[in-house]
Amino acid sequence: SYSELRNTPQLNFAGIKPAYDQGRYAAVVNRANVVWKNLDKGYRLNNTDRTFVAEFACRAGVQQHLQGTESGDHEKWCQIWVDRLRHEGKDATEAENLLEQVE
């Protein structure tokens, strides 16, 4: 109800998982975009939080793709997730498989 808070990164970050759980995949991608665009504006996320944003944006984008709704950002988010996992030395197999589904 407070339109001026719609683009607040903290609220968008907090709303990613609930939106995903509710099947509101477009909202997840939109929220992730707001968070990511504001990283250089004094809003700091640790590496785990950044990977979380990329993971859920990728998963939401893949869900949209499977439902026949294209998200212009889903491939980008899956690539970011793959890159983050590799950078952190974690297994990126699942993220790579999702990326292949949307390419």
Protein backbone atom coordinates (compact mmCIF):
# COMPACT_ATOMS: atom_id res chain seq x y z
CA SER A 1 0.00 0.00 0.00
CA TYR A 2 3.07 2.26 0.20
CA SER A 3 4.05 2.76 -3.42
CA GLU A 4 7.20 4.66 -2.47
CA LEU A 5 8.56 1.48 -0.86
CA ARG A 6 7.99 -0.69 -3.94
CA ASN A 7 11.60 -0.34 -5.11
CA THR A 8 13.25 -0.65 -1.71
CA PRO A 9 15.99 -3.28 -2.06
CA GLN A 10 15.56 -4.66 1.46
CA LEU A 11 11.85 -5.30 0.95
CA ASN A 12 12.48 -6.80 -2.47
CA PHE A 13 15.17 -9.09 -1.06
CA ALA A 14 12.89 -10.17 1.78
CA GLY A 15 10.07 -10.91 -0.66
CA ILE A 16 11.96 -13.18 -3.06
CA LYS A 17 11.40 -16.51 -1.29
CA PRO A 18 7.75 -15.85 -0.35
CA ALA A 19 6.95 -14.82 -3.93
CA TYR A 20 8.65 -17.95 -5.25
CA ASP A 21 6.77 -20.16 -2.79
CA GLN A 22 3.50 -18.57 -3.94
CA GLY A 23 4.32 -19.25 -7.60
CA ARG A 24 4.67 -15.57 -8.44
CA TYR A 25 7.69 -16.12 -10.65
CA ALA A 26 7.57 -12.81 -12.52
CA ALA A 27 7.60 -11.02 -9.15
CA VAL A 28 10.70 -12.98 -8.12
CA VAL A 29 12.60 -11.92 -11.23
CA ASN A 30 11.43 -8.31 -10.83
CA ARG A 31 12.46 -8.26 -7.17
CA ALA A 32 15.84 -9.76 -7.98
CA ASN A 33 16.40 -7.10 -10.64
CA VAL A 34 15.65 -4.32 -8.13
CA VAL A 35 18.03 -5.79 -5.57
CA TRP A 36 20.82 -6.31 -8.11
CA LYS A 37 20.49 -2.80 -9.57
CA ASN A 38 20.87 -1.29 -6.12
CA LEU A 39 24.00 -3.13 -5.02
CA ASP A 40 26.16 -0.13 -5.83
CA LYS A 41 23.89 2.31 -4.02
CA GLY A 42 24.94 1.53 -0.49
CA TYR A 43 22.95 -1.68 -0.25
CA ARG A 44 25.31 -4.50 0.53
CA LEU A 45 24.70 -8.23 0.27
CA ASN A 46 27.18 -10.83 1.37
CA ASN A 47 28.18 -13.57 -1.08
CA THR A 48 25.59 -16.01 0.25
CA ASP A 49 22.82 -13.44 -0.22
CA ARG A 50 23.95 -12.66 -3.76
CA THR A 51 23.97 -16.34 -4.65
CA PHE A 52 20.50 -16.67 -3.10
CA VAL A 53 19.16 -13.86 -5.29
CA ALA A 54 20.69 -15.39 -8.42
CA GLU A 55 19.42 -18.88 -7.57
CA PHE A 56 15.81 -17.91 -7.00
CA ALA A 57 15.74 -15.56 -10.00
CA CYS A 58 17.09 -18.40 -12.16
CA ARG A 59 14.62 -20.93 -10.78
CA ALA A 60 11.73 -18.50 -11.24
CA GLY A 61 12.82 -17.75 -14.78
CA VAL A 62 12.98 -21.45 -15.60
CA GLN A 63 9.50 -21.92 -14.14
CA GLN A 64 8.22 -19.10 -16.35
CA HIS A 65 9.94 -20.70 -19.33
CA LEU A 66 8.32 -24.07 -18.59
CA GLN A 67 4.93 -22.37 -18.34
CA GLY A 68 5.44 -20.77 -21.73
CA THR A 69 5.99 -17.28 -20.37
CA GLU A 70 9.30 -15.84 -21.44
CA SER A 71 11.31 -13.72 -19.07
CA GLY A 72 13.98 -11.68 -20.75
CA ASP A 73 16.23 -12.10 -17.74
CA HIS A 74 16.00 -15.81 -16.93
CA GLU A 75 19.05 -16.84 -18.95
CA LYS A 76 21.06 -13.98 -17.45
CA TRP A 77 20.12 -15.03 -13.92
CA CYS A 78 21.00 -18.67 -14.51
CA GLN A 79 24.40 -17.61 -15.86
CA ILE A 80 24.98 -15.40 -12.83
CA TRP A 81 24.09 -18.32 -10.55
CA VAL A 82 26.49 -20.66 -12.39
CA ASP A 83 29.27 -18.07 -12.20
CA ARG A 84 28.69 -17.45 -8.49
CA LEU A 85 28.76 -21.15 -7.65
CA ARG A 86 31.96 -21.67 -9.62
CA HIS A 87 33.54 -18.64 -7.96
CA GLU A 88 32.61 -20.02 -4.54
CA GLY A 89 34.02 -23.45 -5.45
CA LYS A 90 30.62 -25.13 -5.17
CA ASP A 91 29.00 -27.67 -7.45
CA ALA A 92 27.28 -25.85 -10.30
CA THR A 93 25.74 -28.91 -11.96
CA GLU A 94 22.13 -28.10 -11.07
CA ALA A 95 22.50 -24.48 -12.14
CA GLU A 96 24.16 -25.54 -15.41
CA ASN A 97 21.31 -27.96 -16.10
CA LEU A 98 18.75 -25.20 -15.57
CA LEU A 99 20.75 -22.89 -17.82
CA GLU A 100 20.74 -25.53 -20.56
CA GLN A 101 16.94 -25.78 -20.31
CA VAL A 102 16.48 -22.11 -21.12
CA GLU A 103 19.18 -21.67 -23.74
